[in-house]
N, C-alpha and C. Protein backbone atom coordinates (compact mmCIF):
# COMPACT_ATOMS: atom_id res chain seq x y z
N UNK A 1 0.85 -1.19 -0.04
CA UNK A 1 0.02 -0.07 -0.03
C UNK A 1 0.91 1.27 0.06
N UNK A 2 0.51 2.24 -0.66
CA UNK A 2 1.32 3.44 -1.09
C UNK A 2 0.53 4.60 -0.55
N UNK A 3 1.00 5.29 0.71
CA UNK A 3 0.33 6.37 1.18
C UNK A 3 1.29 7.62 0.77
N UNK A 4 0.51 8.57 0.19
CA UNK A 4 1.20 9.82 -0.11
C UNK A 4 1.03 10.64 1.05
N UNK A 5 2.02 11.40 1.41
CA UNK A 5 1.90 12.36 2.63
C UNK A 5 2.36 13.77 2.36
N UNK A 6 1.52 14.75 2.54
CA UNK A 6 2.06 16.23 2.34
C UNK A 6 1.43 16.84 3.45
N UNK A 7 1.97 18.14 3.70
CA UNK A 7 1.67 19.04 4.65
C UNK A 7 2.23 20.48 4.23
N UNK A 8 1.66 21.49 4.91
CA UNK A 8 2.12 22.80 4.70
C UNK A 8 2.09 23.24 3.23
N UNK A 9 0.98 22.91 2.58
CA UNK A 9 1.07 23.56 1.05
C UNK A 9 0.85 25.00 0.99
N UNK A 10 0.07 25.41 1.83
CA UNK A 10 -0.14 27.15 1.83
C UNK A 10 -0.42 27.56 0.59
N UNK A 11 -1.35 27.11 -0.05
CA UNK A 11 -1.66 27.50 -1.41
C UNK A 11 -2.60 28.70 -1.79
N UNK A 12 -3.22 29.14 -0.71
CA UNK A 12 -4.20 30.27 -0.96
C UNK A 12 -3.38 31.57 -0.92
N UNK A 13 -3.70 32.55 -1.71
CA UNK A 13 -3.09 33.89 -1.69
C UNK A 13 -1.87 34.03 -2.16
N UNK A 14 -1.22 33.08 -2.54
CA UNK A 14 0.30 33.25 -2.66
C UNK A 14 0.49 32.50 -4.08
N UNK A 15 1.74 32.63 -4.64
CA UNK A 15 2.03 32.21 -5.92
C UNK A 15 2.60 30.63 -5.73
N UNK A 16 2.07 29.99 -4.66
CA UNK A 16 2.61 28.58 -4.45
C UNK A 16 1.55 27.63 -5.03
N UNK A 17 1.95 26.56 -5.78
CA UNK A 17 1.10 25.53 -6.17
C UNK A 17 1.93 24.23 -5.90
N UNK A 18 1.35 23.14 -6.05
CA UNK A 18 2.02 21.78 -5.75
C UNK A 18 2.98 21.76 -7.00
N UNK A 19 4.44 21.43 -6.86
CA UNK A 19 5.02 21.19 -7.86
C UNK A 19 4.75 19.92 -8.95
N UNK A 20 5.16 19.91 -10.24
CA UNK A 20 4.76 18.95 -11.02
C UNK A 20 5.27 17.72 -10.48
N UNK A 21 6.40 17.64 -9.86
CA UNK A 21 7.01 16.30 -9.32
C UNK A 21 6.31 15.69 -8.31
N UNK A 22 5.28 16.40 -7.70
CA UNK A 22 4.58 15.71 -6.58
C UNK A 22 3.49 14.93 -7.13
N UNK A 23 2.74 15.29 -8.23
CA UNK A 23 1.65 14.73 -8.64
C UNK A 23 1.76 13.42 -9.12
N UNK A 24 2.72 12.69 -9.76
CA UNK A 24 2.80 11.32 -9.99
C UNK A 24 2.71 10.54 -8.79
N UNK A 25 3.34 10.86 -7.64
CA UNK A 25 3.16 10.23 -6.35
C UNK A 25 1.78 10.17 -5.84
N UNK A 26 1.05 11.44 -5.82
CA UNK A 26 -0.30 11.64 -5.43
C UNK A 26 -1.39 10.78 -6.18
N UNK A 27 -1.12 10.90 -7.50
CA UNK A 27 -2.00 10.15 -8.55
C UNK A 27 -1.92 8.62 -8.60
N UNK A 28 -0.84 8.28 -8.01
CA UNK A 28 -0.77 6.68 -7.81
C UNK A 28 -0.84 6.21 -6.53
N UNK A 29 -1.25 6.97 -5.50
CA UNK A 29 -1.33 6.68 -4.03
C UNK A 29 -2.61 5.89 -3.77
N UNK A 30 -2.68 4.94 -2.91
CA UNK A 30 -3.85 4.21 -2.34
C UNK A 30 -4.66 5.16 -1.52
N UNK A 31 -3.91 6.10 -0.82
CA UNK A 31 -4.51 7.06 0.19
C UNK A 31 -3.61 8.35 0.24
N UNK A 32 -4.30 9.48 0.48
CA UNK A 32 -3.40 10.62 0.75
C UNK A 32 -3.58 11.28 2.05
N UNK A 33 -2.53 11.60 2.75
CA UNK A 33 -2.68 12.31 4.01
C UNK A 33 -2.22 13.64 3.75
N UNK A 34 -2.90 14.54 4.44
CA UNK A 34 -2.42 16.06 4.32
C UNK A 34 -2.45 16.51 5.83
N UNK A 35 -1.22 16.87 6.36
CA UNK A 35 -1.11 17.25 7.75
C UNK A 35 -1.25 18.59 8.09
N UNK A 36 -2.18 19.21 7.39
CA UNK A 36 -2.40 20.62 7.79
C UNK A 36 -1.72 21.67 7.19
N UNK A 37 -2.29 22.90 7.19
CA UNK A 37 -1.96 24.34 6.62
C UNK A 37 -2.01 23.95 5.04
N UNK A 38 -3.28 23.61 4.70
CA UNK A 38 -3.77 23.45 3.33
C UNK A 38 -3.89 24.89 2.86
N UNK A 39 -4.66 25.77 3.53
CA UNK A 39 -5.16 27.04 3.30
C UNK A 39 -6.31 27.27 2.13
N UNK A 40 -6.25 26.30 1.31
CA UNK A 40 -7.17 26.54 0.10
C UNK A 40 -7.91 25.20 -0.07
N UNK A 41 -9.08 25.11 0.31
CA UNK A 41 -9.96 23.87 0.18
C UNK A 41 -10.10 23.30 -1.39
N UNK A 42 -9.83 24.19 -2.37
CA UNK A 42 -9.91 23.76 -3.75
C UNK A 42 -8.87 22.89 -3.90
N UNK A 43 -7.64 22.90 -3.24
CA UNK A 43 -6.62 21.77 -3.39
C UNK A 43 -7.09 20.40 -2.63
N UNK A 44 -8.02 20.52 -1.75
CA UNK A 44 -8.47 19.46 -1.19
C UNK A 44 -9.66 18.76 -2.22
N UNK A 45 -10.30 19.43 -2.87
CA UNK A 45 -11.19 19.00 -4.03
C UNK A 45 -10.32 18.25 -4.91
N UNK A 46 -9.21 18.90 -5.50
CA UNK A 46 -8.43 18.40 -6.45
C UNK A 46 -7.70 16.86 -5.85
N UNK A 47 -7.30 16.93 -4.59
CA UNK A 47 -6.68 15.63 -4.01
C UNK A 47 -7.69 14.62 -4.07
N UNK A 48 -8.98 14.96 -3.38
CA UNK A 48 -9.85 13.94 -3.08
C UNK A 48 -10.37 13.34 -4.45
N UNK A 49 -10.13 13.98 -5.56
CA UNK A 49 -10.66 13.34 -6.80
C UNK A 49 -9.67 12.13 -7.29
N UNK A 50 -8.58 12.18 -6.53
CA UNK A 50 -7.63 11.00 -6.87
C UNK A 50 -7.90 9.76 -6.16
N UNK A 51 -8.36 9.89 -5.05
CA UNK A 51 -8.81 8.80 -4.20
C UNK A 51 -8.98 9.19 -2.58
N UNK A 52 -8.97 8.25 -1.67
CA UNK A 52 -9.33 8.65 -0.33
C UNK A 52 -8.17 9.67 0.09
N UNK A 53 -8.78 10.70 0.91
CA UNK A 53 -7.82 11.70 1.53
C UNK A 53 -8.37 11.88 2.90
N UNK A 54 -7.26 11.94 3.87
CA UNK A 54 -7.48 12.31 5.18
C UNK A 54 -6.85 13.60 5.52
N UNK A 55 -7.53 14.55 6.15
CA UNK A 55 -6.82 16.01 6.27
C UNK A 55 -7.02 16.41 7.77
N UNK A 56 -5.93 16.92 8.33
CA UNK A 56 -6.05 17.62 9.64
C UNK A 56 -5.95 19.17 9.46
N UNK A 57 -6.55 19.83 10.46
CA UNK A 57 -6.44 21.37 10.34
C UNK A 57 -4.95 21.82 10.81
N UNK A 58 -4.57 22.82 10.24
CA UNK A 58 -3.33 23.61 10.55
C UNK A 58 -3.51 24.87 11.23
N UNK A 59 -2.59 25.37 11.88
CA UNK A 59 -2.69 26.70 12.48
C UNK A 59 -3.04 27.79 11.41
N UNK A 60 -2.68 27.64 10.07
CA UNK A 60 -3.12 28.65 9.03
C UNK A 60 -4.42 28.44 8.32
N UNK A 61 -5.25 27.36 8.82
CA UNK A 61 -6.39 26.93 8.01
C UNK A 61 -7.51 27.46 8.79
N UNK A 62 -8.41 27.77 7.73
CA UNK A 62 -9.77 28.61 8.50
C UNK A 62 -10.82 27.74 8.37
N UNK A 63 -12.09 28.21 8.57
CA UNK A 63 -13.35 27.27 8.62
C UNK A 63 -13.71 26.67 7.30
N UNK A 64 -13.32 27.35 6.25
CA UNK A 64 -13.47 26.63 4.88
C UNK A 64 -12.85 25.32 4.83
N UNK A 65 -11.63 25.08 5.45
CA UNK A 65 -11.02 23.91 5.39
C UNK A 65 -11.59 22.86 6.35
N UNK A 66 -11.99 23.38 7.50
CA UNK A 66 -12.77 22.61 8.25
C UNK A 66 -14.20 22.11 7.76
N UNK A 67 -14.93 23.09 7.20
CA UNK A 67 -16.02 22.73 6.45
C UNK A 67 -15.94 21.61 5.39
N UNK A 68 -14.73 21.72 4.80
CA UNK A 68 -14.44 20.64 3.80
C UNK A 68 -14.36 19.17 4.60
N UNK A 69 -14.00 19.11 5.81
CA UNK A 69 -13.96 17.98 6.42
C UNK A 69 -12.71 17.76 7.18
N UNK A 70 -11.75 18.68 7.30
CA UNK A 70 -10.72 18.54 8.17
C UNK A 70 -11.00 18.50 9.57
N UNK A 71 -10.18 17.77 10.35
CA UNK A 71 -10.51 17.76 11.83
C UNK A 71 -9.22 18.18 12.57
N UNK A 72 -9.20 18.36 13.80
CA UNK A 72 -7.98 18.85 14.45
C UNK A 72 -6.86 17.58 14.65
N UNK A 73 -7.31 16.51 14.61
CA UNK A 73 -6.44 15.40 14.54
C UNK A 73 -7.15 14.12 14.06
N UNK A 74 -6.40 13.07 13.69
CA UNK A 74 -6.99 11.88 13.03
C UNK A 74 -6.35 10.70 13.46
N UNK A 75 -7.16 9.81 13.58
CA UNK A 75 -6.43 8.32 13.81
C UNK A 75 -7.23 7.32 12.83
N UNK A 76 -6.32 6.50 12.16
CA UNK A 76 -6.95 5.58 11.28
C UNK A 76 -6.07 4.43 11.00
N UNK A 77 -6.54 3.30 10.62
CA UNK A 77 -5.80 2.12 10.14
C UNK A 77 -5.70 1.80 8.68
N UNK A 78 -4.57 1.74 8.18
CA UNK A 78 -4.25 1.48 6.79
C UNK A 78 -3.48 0.29 6.67
N UNK A 79 -3.78 -0.55 5.86
CA UNK A 79 -2.94 -1.88 5.77
C UNK A 79 -2.68 -2.51 6.94
N UNK A 80 -3.46 -2.45 7.97
CA UNK A 80 -3.02 -3.14 9.05
C UNK A 80 -2.25 -2.37 10.10
N UNK A 81 -1.95 -1.14 9.62
CA UNK A 81 -1.05 -0.11 10.49
C UNK A 81 -1.78 0.99 11.03
N UNK A 82 -1.70 1.19 12.35
CA UNK A 82 -2.47 2.30 13.07
C UNK A 82 -1.62 3.65 12.99
N UNK A 83 -2.14 4.61 12.31
CA UNK A 83 -1.55 5.91 12.12
C UNK A 83 -2.50 6.98 12.78
N UNK A 84 -1.84 8.00 13.42
CA UNK A 84 -2.40 9.27 14.01
C UNK A 84 -1.74 10.34 13.28
N UNK A 85 -2.58 11.47 13.11
CA UNK A 85 -2.02 12.62 12.52
C UNK A 85 -2.48 13.95 13.23
N UNK A 86 -1.58 14.90 13.38
CA UNK A 86 -1.86 16.19 13.90
C UNK A 86 -0.87 17.03 13.10
N UNK A 87 -1.41 18.33 13.07
CA UNK A 87 -0.55 19.37 12.58
C UNK A 87 0.72 19.79 13.24
N UNK A 88 0.58 20.31 14.53
CA UNK A 88 1.66 20.54 15.25
C UNK A 88 1.96 19.63 16.46
N UNK A 89 3.16 19.09 16.38
CA UNK A 89 3.41 17.98 17.44
C UNK A 89 4.25 18.63 18.53
N UNK A 90 4.46 19.95 18.42
CA UNK A 90 5.30 20.64 19.46
C UNK A 90 6.69 20.53 19.31
N UNK A 91 7.45 20.97 20.17
CA UNK A 91 8.91 20.99 20.13
C UNK A 91 9.46 19.72 19.83
N UNK A 92 10.71 19.52 19.21
CA UNK A 92 11.39 18.23 18.96
C UNK A 92 11.70 17.59 20.35
N UNK A 93 11.97 18.27 21.39
CA UNK A 93 12.46 17.72 22.65
C UNK A 93 11.34 16.93 23.25
N UNK A 94 11.52 15.82 23.40
CA UNK A 94 10.45 14.77 24.12
C UNK A 94 9.15 14.50 23.25
N UNK A 95 9.36 14.82 21.92
CA UNK A 95 8.37 14.58 20.89
C UNK A 95 7.99 13.18 21.08
N UNK A 96 8.84 12.26 20.93
CA UNK A 96 8.59 10.78 20.96
C UNK A 96 7.62 10.39 22.29
N UNK A 97 8.15 10.82 23.39
CA UNK A 97 7.38 10.39 24.40
C UNK A 97 5.88 11.18 24.50
N UNK A 98 5.87 12.45 24.05
CA UNK A 98 4.48 13.01 23.99
C UNK A 98 3.70 12.28 23.16
N UNK A 99 4.04 12.00 21.92
CA UNK A 99 3.19 11.42 20.86
C UNK A 99 2.72 9.95 21.28
N UNK A 100 3.69 9.12 21.97
CA UNK A 100 3.39 7.86 22.29
C UNK A 100 2.40 7.92 23.36
N UNK A 101 2.51 8.97 24.19
CA UNK A 101 1.47 9.09 25.40
C UNK A 101 0.05 9.36 24.91
N UNK A 102 0.15 10.19 23.69
CA UNK A 102 -1.21 10.84 23.20
C UNK A 102 -1.92 9.66 22.33
N UNK A 103 -0.94 8.93 21.67
CA UNK A 103 -1.69 7.87 21.06
C UNK A 103 -0.99 6.49 21.16
N UNK A 104 -1.10 5.81 22.28
CA UNK A 104 -0.26 4.68 22.64
C UNK A 104 -0.47 3.41 21.66
N UNK A 105 -1.59 3.49 20.87
CA UNK A 105 -1.71 2.53 19.92
C UNK A 105 -1.21 2.64 18.53
N UNK A 106 -0.73 3.88 18.42
CA UNK A 106 -0.25 4.32 16.97
C UNK A 106 1.09 3.65 16.67
N UNK A 107 1.23 3.16 15.35
CA UNK A 107 2.50 2.75 14.88
C UNK A 107 3.36 3.98 14.37
N UNK A 108 2.41 4.87 13.82
CA UNK A 108 2.82 6.10 12.88
C UNK A 108 2.09 7.35 13.58
N UNK A 109 2.99 8.47 13.78
CA UNK A 109 2.27 9.73 14.03
C UNK A 109 2.89 10.60 12.69
N UNK A 110 1.93 11.07 11.97
CA UNK A 110 2.29 12.14 10.99
C UNK A 110 1.86 13.52 11.39
N UNK A 111 2.89 14.36 11.16
CA UNK A 111 2.62 15.92 11.50
C UNK A 111 3.40 16.69 10.63
N UNK A 112 3.14 18.00 10.75
CA UNK A 112 3.69 18.93 9.78
C UNK A 112 4.12 20.30 10.74
N UNK A 113 3.72 21.45 10.35
CA UNK A 113 4.06 22.67 10.98
C UNK A 113 5.30 23.19 10.79
N UNK A 114 6.49 22.50 11.14
CA UNK A 114 7.83 22.84 10.91
C UNK A 114 8.27 23.09 9.48
N UNK A 115 7.61 22.59 8.64
CA UNK A 115 8.35 22.43 7.22
C UNK A 115 9.59 21.59 7.11
N UNK A 116 9.93 21.05 8.38
CA UNK A 116 11.14 20.31 8.24
C UNK A 116 11.01 18.83 8.35
N UNK A 117 11.49 18.17 7.30
CA UNK A 117 11.15 16.73 7.06
C UNK A 117 11.81 15.89 8.45
N UNK A 118 11.09 14.79 8.63
CA UNK A 118 11.37 13.89 9.57
C UNK A 118 10.93 12.54 9.33
N UNK A 119 11.85 11.64 9.60
CA UNK A 119 11.50 10.07 9.19
C UNK A 119 12.21 9.46 10.31
N UNK A 120 11.82 9.23 11.50
CA UNK A 120 12.47 8.87 12.63
C UNK A 120 11.71 7.75 13.19
N UNK A 121 12.18 6.46 13.03
CA UNK A 121 11.56 5.24 13.29
C UNK A 121 12.44 4.77 14.58
N UNK A 122 11.83 4.68 15.76
CA UNK A 122 12.51 4.02 16.80
C UNK A 122 11.39 3.61 17.98
N UNK A 123 11.86 2.55 18.74
CA UNK A 123 10.91 2.38 19.87
C UNK A 123 9.52 1.97 19.50
N UNK A 124 9.33 1.49 18.23
CA UNK A 124 7.99 0.96 17.79
C UNK A 124 7.03 2.20 17.30
N UNK A 125 7.62 3.41 17.23
CA UNK A 125 6.92 4.67 16.78
C UNK A 125 7.69 5.21 15.69
N UNK A 126 7.07 5.40 14.35
CA UNK A 126 7.54 6.20 13.28
C UNK A 126 6.93 7.66 13.51
N UNK A 127 8.03 8.57 13.80
CA UNK A 127 7.66 9.99 13.70
C UNK A 127 7.88 10.45 12.32
N UNK A 128 6.86 10.89 11.47
CA UNK A 128 6.90 11.31 10.12
C UNK A 128 6.29 12.70 9.75
N UNK A 129 7.13 13.61 9.43
CA UNK A 129 6.96 14.79 8.73
C UNK A 129 7.39 15.06 7.46
N UNK A 130 6.54 15.04 6.49
CA UNK A 130 6.90 15.18 5.09
C UNK A 130 7.60 16.47 4.61
N UNK A 131 7.81 17.43 5.47
CA UNK A 131 8.28 18.64 5.12
C UNK A 131 7.10 19.41 4.43
N UNK A 132 7.31 20.23 3.38
CA UNK A 132 6.31 21.08 2.63
C UNK A 132 6.95 20.90 1.09
N UNK A 133 5.86 20.68 0.32
CA UNK A 133 6.32 20.71 -1.19
C UNK A 133 6.28 21.86 -1.78
N UNK A 134 5.87 22.95 -1.03
CA UNK A 134 5.80 24.39 -1.69
C UNK A 134 6.68 25.53 -1.01
N UNK A 135 7.08 25.25 0.15
CA UNK A 135 7.78 26.42 0.94
C UNK A 135 8.68 25.64 1.78
N UNK A 136 9.95 25.65 1.47
CA UNK A 136 10.95 24.96 2.15
C UNK A 136 11.37 25.66 3.71
N UNK A 137 11.05 26.97 3.81
CA UNK A 137 11.36 27.74 5.03
C UNK A 137 12.81 27.36 5.39
N UNK A 138 13.07 26.60 6.46
CA UNK A 138 14.29 26.28 7.18
C UNK A 138 14.93 25.05 6.56
N UNK A 139 14.10 24.24 5.70
CA UNK A 139 14.46 22.79 5.31
C UNK A 139 15.51 23.08 4.07
N UNK A 140 16.39 22.07 3.80
CA UNK A 140 17.28 22.22 2.52
C UNK A 140 16.55 22.33 1.14
N UNK A 141 15.25 21.56 1.22
CA UNK A 141 14.58 21.69 -0.09
C UNK A 141 12.89 21.28 0.25
N UNK A 142 12.19 21.64 -0.76
CA UNK A 142 10.81 21.42 -0.56
C UNK A 142 10.64 19.87 -0.69
N UNK A 143 9.59 19.31 -0.20
CA UNK A 143 9.58 17.76 -0.08
C UNK A 143 8.04 17.26 0.28
N UNK A 144 8.14 15.92 0.14
CA UNK A 144 6.66 15.14 0.45
C UNK A 144 7.38 13.97 0.77
N UNK A 145 6.43 12.96 1.21
CA UNK A 145 6.52 11.50 1.60
C UNK A 145 5.84 10.62 1.32
N UNK A 146 6.22 9.48 1.41
CA UNK A 146 5.46 8.25 1.04
C UNK A 146 5.58 7.25 2.24
N UNK A 147 4.43 6.71 2.81
CA UNK A 147 4.66 5.59 3.70
C UNK A 147 4.24 4.28 2.87
N UNK A 148 5.06 3.36 2.85
CA UNK A 148 4.85 2.24 2.26
C UNK A 148 4.48 1.15 3.30
N UNK A 149 3.42 0.69 3.07
CA UNK A 149 2.78 -0.34 3.98
C UNK A 149 2.59 -1.79 3.36
N UNK A 150 3.29 -2.81 3.87
CA UNK A 150 2.96 -4.26 3.31
C UNK A 150 3.01 -5.20 4.54
N UNK A 151 2.05 -5.90 4.46
CA UNK A 151 1.94 -6.99 5.38
C UNK A 151 1.88 -6.40 6.98
N UNK A 152 1.36 -5.43 7.12
CA UNK A 152 1.29 -4.76 8.57
C UNK A 152 2.57 -4.07 8.85
N UNK A 153 3.49 -4.02 7.99
CA UNK A 153 4.84 -3.41 8.21
C UNK A 153 4.86 -2.00 7.62
N UNK A 154 5.51 -0.96 8.11
CA UNK A 154 5.56 0.33 7.37
C UNK A 154 7.04 0.94 7.26
N UNK A 155 7.25 1.72 6.26
CA UNK A 155 8.62 2.16 5.87
C UNK A 155 8.18 3.49 5.30
N UNK A 156 8.92 4.71 6.03
CA UNK A 156 8.72 5.94 5.51
C UNK A 156 9.74 6.40 4.54
N UNK A 157 9.50 7.34 3.57
CA UNK A 157 10.46 7.77 2.61
C UNK A 157 10.09 9.20 2.32
N UNK A 158 11.00 10.04 2.39
CA UNK A 158 10.74 11.57 2.17
C UNK A 158 11.86 11.92 1.10
N UNK A 159 11.25 12.71 0.08
CA UNK A 159 12.20 12.96 -1.15
C UNK A 159 11.80 14.37 -1.57
N UNK A 160 12.86 15.12 -2.21
CA UNK A 160 12.63 16.26 -2.72
C UNK A 160 11.55 16.45 -3.97
N UNK A 161 10.62 17.42 -3.96
CA UNK A 161 9.79 17.71 -5.15
C UNK A 161 10.06 18.96 -5.66
């Protein structure tokens, strides 16, 4: 199972759009996760036309994104793997213990907010931030991610777009 993961697209009111390199991954995904700061629900319409989409609210999202169906956090099971998602996971210090306490059954916690990619799998919990495909801010490049799930096992991959 191929799960495309994006966050921090910030596409409203700016000259940012998803880069062409992101679309092949999104178009071939079995499910898409957006970890918040969508800012433009038209992007969600476009992404949902490709297949199942789960979205959480970001600090820059407004009521129109919530009206589309975004929630403050999400938990779901895909391919036998329990995932939880939130936009802002807080500071890096003690993140693993905080996320583990918040979602003790999760194998993966997907988050955004920092625009800094994270693919950190330890102690039975994968912390996964895909970065941003549109605005690198402090990261070395714009990026997105894929969660590969097979036979109840998960592996994360982050790549520039």
